[in-house]
C-alpha cells in the first residue's frame, strides 16, 4: 500500500479535540485488498494518543490492476 496524498485539519467539538483526515491510498487490486477496504471502517486502528471515531471509504476505483481509494477519517485525542 502506498499513501498517494494526505492532509488533515484540526477539529473540535464541545467535548473533544482531534482532526479530520483525508487520505488517498493505492494498492494492488487483489481479493484480499478488496476485503481489507470493505472491513476498514469497522477495524480498530491503533494510533498512539488518538482514537479513530469514524472512517469512511468515500471513493474507490480500480485501473490496470491497481486500486485507488480515498478515505475520510475523524480522530479524537485520547484522554
N, C-alpha and C. Protein backbone atom coordinates (compact mmCIF):
# COMPACT_ATOMS: atom_id res chain seq x y z
N UNK A 1 0.84 -1.17 0.00
CA UNK A 1 0.00 0.00 0.00
C UNK A 1 0.89 1.24 0.00
N UNK A 2 0.49 2.22 -0.77
CA UNK A 2 1.19 3.50 -0.85
C UNK A 2 0.22 4.62 -0.52
N UNK A 3 0.64 5.54 0.33
CA UNK A 3 -0.15 6.74 0.57
C UNK A 3 0.20 7.73 -0.52
N UNK A 4 -0.76 8.05 -1.36
CA UNK A 4 -0.55 8.93 -2.50
C UNK A 4 -0.71 10.39 -2.10
N UNK A 5 -1.67 10.66 -1.22
CA UNK A 5 -1.91 12.03 -0.76
C UNK A 5 -2.48 11.98 0.65
N UNK A 6 -2.17 12.99 1.44
CA UNK A 6 -2.70 13.07 2.80
C UNK A 6 -2.78 14.52 3.23
N UNK A 7 -3.85 14.84 3.92
CA UNK A 7 -3.97 16.17 4.52
C UNK A 7 -4.88 16.04 5.73
N UNK A 8 -4.75 17.00 6.65
CA UNK A 8 -5.62 17.00 7.82
C UNK A 8 -5.79 18.42 8.31
N UNK A 9 -6.88 18.61 9.04
CA UNK A 9 -7.16 19.89 9.68
C UNK A 9 -7.61 19.59 11.11
N UNK A 10 -7.29 20.51 12.00
CA UNK A 10 -7.73 20.35 13.39
C UNK A 10 -9.24 20.40 13.44
N UNK A 11 -9.80 19.69 14.39
CA UNK A 11 -11.24 19.60 14.57
C UNK A 11 -11.52 19.64 16.06
N UNK A 12 -12.63 20.25 16.45
CA UNK A 12 -13.01 20.27 17.86
C UNK A 12 -14.53 20.33 17.97
N UNK A 13 -15.03 19.71 19.02
CA UNK A 13 -16.44 19.83 19.38
C UNK A 13 -16.47 20.39 20.79
N UNK A 14 -17.62 20.44 21.39
CA UNK A 14 -17.72 20.93 22.77
C UNK A 14 -16.96 20.03 23.74
N UNK A 15 -16.83 18.74 23.39
CA UNK A 15 -16.22 17.77 24.31
C UNK A 15 -14.87 17.22 23.87
N UNK A 16 -14.56 17.29 22.58
CA UNK A 16 -13.39 16.60 22.07
C UNK A 16 -12.55 17.50 21.17
N UNK A 17 -11.25 17.19 21.12
CA UNK A 17 -10.32 17.78 20.16
C UNK A 17 -9.78 16.65 19.30
N UNK A 18 -9.48 16.96 18.07
CA UNK A 18 -8.93 15.93 17.20
C UNK A 18 -8.61 16.47 15.83
N UNK A 19 -8.80 15.63 14.82
CA UNK A 19 -8.50 16.04 13.46
C UNK A 19 -9.38 15.35 12.44
N UNK A 20 -9.57 16.02 11.32
CA UNK A 20 -10.23 15.42 10.15
C UNK A 20 -9.14 15.16 9.13
N UNK A 21 -9.07 13.93 8.68
CA UNK A 21 -8.00 13.49 7.79
C UNK A 21 -8.60 13.02 6.46
N UNK A 22 -7.91 13.32 5.38
CA UNK A 22 -8.24 12.77 4.07
C UNK A 22 -6.98 12.08 3.54
N UNK A 23 -7.13 10.83 3.19
CA UNK A 23 -6.01 10.04 2.67
C UNK A 23 -6.41 9.44 1.32
N UNK A 24 -5.49 9.43 0.41
CA UNK A 24 -5.65 8.69 -0.83
C UNK A 24 -4.58 7.62 -0.83
N UNK A 25 -5.02 6.37 -0.95
CA UNK A 25 -4.08 5.25 -0.92
C UNK A 25 -4.18 4.48 -2.23
N UNK A 26 -3.12 3.77 -2.55
CA UNK A 26 -3.09 2.94 -3.75
C UNK A 26 -2.53 1.58 -3.34
N UNK A 27 -3.16 0.53 -3.83
CA UNK A 27 -2.70 -0.81 -3.52
C UNK A 27 -3.02 -1.75 -4.67
N UNK A 28 -2.35 -2.88 -4.68
CA UNK A 28 -2.60 -3.88 -5.71
C UNK A 28 -4.04 -4.36 -5.60
N UNK A 29 -4.70 -4.48 -6.74
CA UNK A 29 -6.11 -4.90 -6.77
C UNK A 29 -6.19 -6.42 -6.63
N UNK A 30 -6.27 -6.89 -5.39
CA UNK A 30 -6.40 -8.31 -5.11
C UNK A 30 -7.69 -8.54 -4.33
N UNK A 31 -8.18 -9.77 -4.28
CA UNK A 31 -9.35 -10.04 -3.45
C UNK A 31 -9.10 -9.69 -1.97
N UNK A 32 -7.89 -9.94 -1.49
CA UNK A 32 -7.56 -9.60 -0.09
C UNK A 32 -7.62 -8.10 0.14
N UNK A 33 -7.13 -7.31 -0.82
CA UNK A 33 -7.18 -5.86 -0.69
C UNK A 33 -8.62 -5.37 -0.70
N UNK A 34 -9.46 -5.95 -1.54
CA UNK A 34 -10.88 -5.57 -1.58
C UNK A 34 -11.56 -5.87 -0.25
N UNK A 35 -11.27 -7.04 0.33
CA UNK A 35 -11.84 -7.40 1.64
C UNK A 35 -11.34 -6.44 2.72
N UNK A 36 -10.05 -6.09 2.66
CA UNK A 36 -9.48 -5.16 3.65
C UNK A 36 -10.17 -3.81 3.58
N UNK A 37 -10.37 -3.28 2.38
CA UNK A 37 -11.05 -1.99 2.24
C UNK A 37 -12.49 -2.06 2.73
N UNK A 38 -13.17 -3.17 2.48
CA UNK A 38 -14.55 -3.33 2.95
C UNK A 38 -14.61 -3.36 4.47
N UNK A 39 -13.63 -3.99 5.11
CA UNK A 39 -13.62 -4.14 6.57
C UNK A 39 -13.03 -2.92 7.28
N UNK A 40 -12.31 -2.08 6.57
CA UNK A 40 -11.57 -0.98 7.19
C UNK A 40 -12.43 -0.07 8.07
N UNK A 41 -13.65 0.32 7.68
CA UNK A 41 -14.43 1.21 8.55
C UNK A 41 -14.75 0.64 9.93
N UNK A 42 -14.75 -0.69 10.07
CA UNK A 42 -15.06 -1.32 11.35
C UNK A 42 -13.82 -1.81 12.09
N UNK A 43 -12.65 -1.59 11.52
CA UNK A 43 -11.40 -2.08 12.10
C UNK A 43 -10.90 -1.14 13.20
N UNK A 44 -10.45 -1.71 14.30
CA UNK A 44 -9.82 -0.93 15.37
C UNK A 44 -8.40 -0.59 14.92
N UNK A 45 -8.12 0.68 14.77
CA UNK A 45 -6.80 1.12 14.32
C UNK A 45 -6.05 1.75 15.48
N UNK A 46 -4.93 1.16 15.88
CA UNK A 46 -4.15 1.74 16.99
C UNK A 46 -3.34 2.94 16.52
N UNK A 47 -3.68 4.10 17.03
CA UNK A 47 -2.94 5.33 16.75
C UNK A 47 -2.58 5.94 18.10
N UNK A 48 -1.32 5.92 18.48
CA UNK A 48 -0.93 6.41 19.81
C UNK A 48 -1.48 7.82 20.10
N UNK A 49 -2.18 7.93 21.22
CA UNK A 49 -2.71 9.22 21.67
C UNK A 49 -4.01 9.64 21.02
N UNK A 50 -4.54 8.80 20.13
CA UNK A 50 -5.77 9.15 19.42
C UNK A 50 -6.70 7.94 19.31
N UNK A 51 -7.96 8.22 19.09
CA UNK A 51 -8.95 7.20 18.79
C UNK A 51 -9.57 7.52 17.43
N UNK A 52 -9.80 6.50 16.62
CA UNK A 52 -10.48 6.71 15.35
C UNK A 52 -11.98 6.69 15.64
N UNK A 53 -12.61 7.85 15.52
CA UNK A 53 -14.04 7.97 15.80
C UNK A 53 -14.88 7.57 14.59
N UNK A 54 -14.37 7.80 13.39
CA UNK A 54 -15.12 7.49 12.17
C UNK A 54 -14.14 7.33 11.02
N UNK A 55 -14.41 6.36 10.16
CA UNK A 55 -13.59 6.14 8.97
C UNK A 55 -14.52 5.72 7.85
N UNK A 56 -14.44 6.42 6.73
CA UNK A 56 -15.29 6.13 5.58
C UNK A 56 -14.42 6.00 4.34
N UNK A 57 -14.66 4.94 3.57
CA UNK A 57 -14.05 4.82 2.24
C UNK A 57 -15.01 5.53 1.30
N UNK A 58 -14.67 6.76 0.90
CA UNK A 58 -15.62 7.58 0.15
C UNK A 58 -15.52 7.38 -1.36
N UNK A 59 -14.41 6.83 -1.82
CA UNK A 59 -14.25 6.62 -3.25
C UNK A 59 -13.26 5.49 -3.47
N UNK A 60 -13.55 4.67 -4.49
CA UNK A 60 -12.65 3.57 -4.82
C UNK A 60 -12.72 3.33 -6.32
N UNK A 61 -11.56 3.13 -6.94
CA UNK A 61 -11.50 2.85 -8.37
C UNK A 61 -10.35 1.89 -8.63
N UNK A 62 -10.57 0.98 -9.58
CA UNK A 62 -9.52 0.04 -9.96
C UNK A 62 -9.22 0.21 -11.44
N UNK A 63 -7.93 0.41 -11.73
CA UNK A 63 -7.46 0.59 -13.11
C UNK A 63 -6.14 -0.15 -13.24
N UNK A 64 -6.04 -0.98 -14.27
CA UNK A 64 -4.78 -1.67 -14.59
C UNK A 64 -4.20 -2.42 -13.39
N UNK A 65 -5.04 -3.10 -12.64
CA UNK A 65 -4.56 -3.92 -11.53
C UNK A 65 -4.20 -3.17 -10.26
N UNK A 66 -4.50 -1.86 -10.20
CA UNK A 66 -4.23 -1.05 -9.01
C UNK A 66 -5.54 -0.44 -8.52
N UNK A 67 -5.77 -0.48 -7.23
CA UNK A 67 -6.94 0.15 -6.63
C UNK A 67 -6.51 1.42 -5.93
N UNK A 68 -7.22 2.50 -6.20
CA UNK A 68 -7.01 3.77 -5.52
C UNK A 68 -8.25 4.03 -4.69
N UNK A 69 -8.06 4.38 -3.42
CA UNK A 69 -9.19 4.66 -2.53
C UNK A 69 -8.95 5.96 -1.78
N UNK A 70 -10.03 6.71 -1.60
CA UNK A 70 -9.96 7.94 -0.81
C UNK A 70 -10.69 7.69 0.50
N UNK A 71 -10.01 7.98 1.60
CA UNK A 71 -10.54 7.75 2.94
C UNK A 71 -10.75 9.08 3.65
N UNK A 72 -11.81 9.16 4.43
CA UNK A 72 -12.03 10.29 5.33
C UNK A 72 -12.06 9.71 6.74
N UNK A 73 -11.25 10.30 7.62
CA UNK A 73 -11.09 9.77 8.97
C UNK A 73 -11.23 10.90 9.97
N UNK A 74 -12.00 10.65 11.03
CA UNK A 74 -12.12 11.59 12.14
C UNK A 74 -11.43 10.96 13.34
N UNK A 75 -10.43 11.64 13.89
CA UNK A 75 -9.75 11.16 15.08
C UNK A 75 -9.99 12.12 16.23
N UNK A 76 -10.01 11.57 17.44
CA UNK A 76 -10.11 12.40 18.64
C UNK A 76 -8.94 12.07 19.54
N UNK A 77 -8.48 13.07 20.27
CA UNK A 77 -7.37 12.87 21.19
C UNK A 77 -7.84 12.03 22.37
N UNK A 78 -7.06 11.01 22.71
CA UNK A 78 -7.39 10.15 23.84
C UNK A 78 -7.07 10.88 25.14
N UNK A 79 -7.88 10.62 26.14
CA UNK A 79 -7.67 11.27 27.45
C UNK A 79 -6.61 10.54 28.24
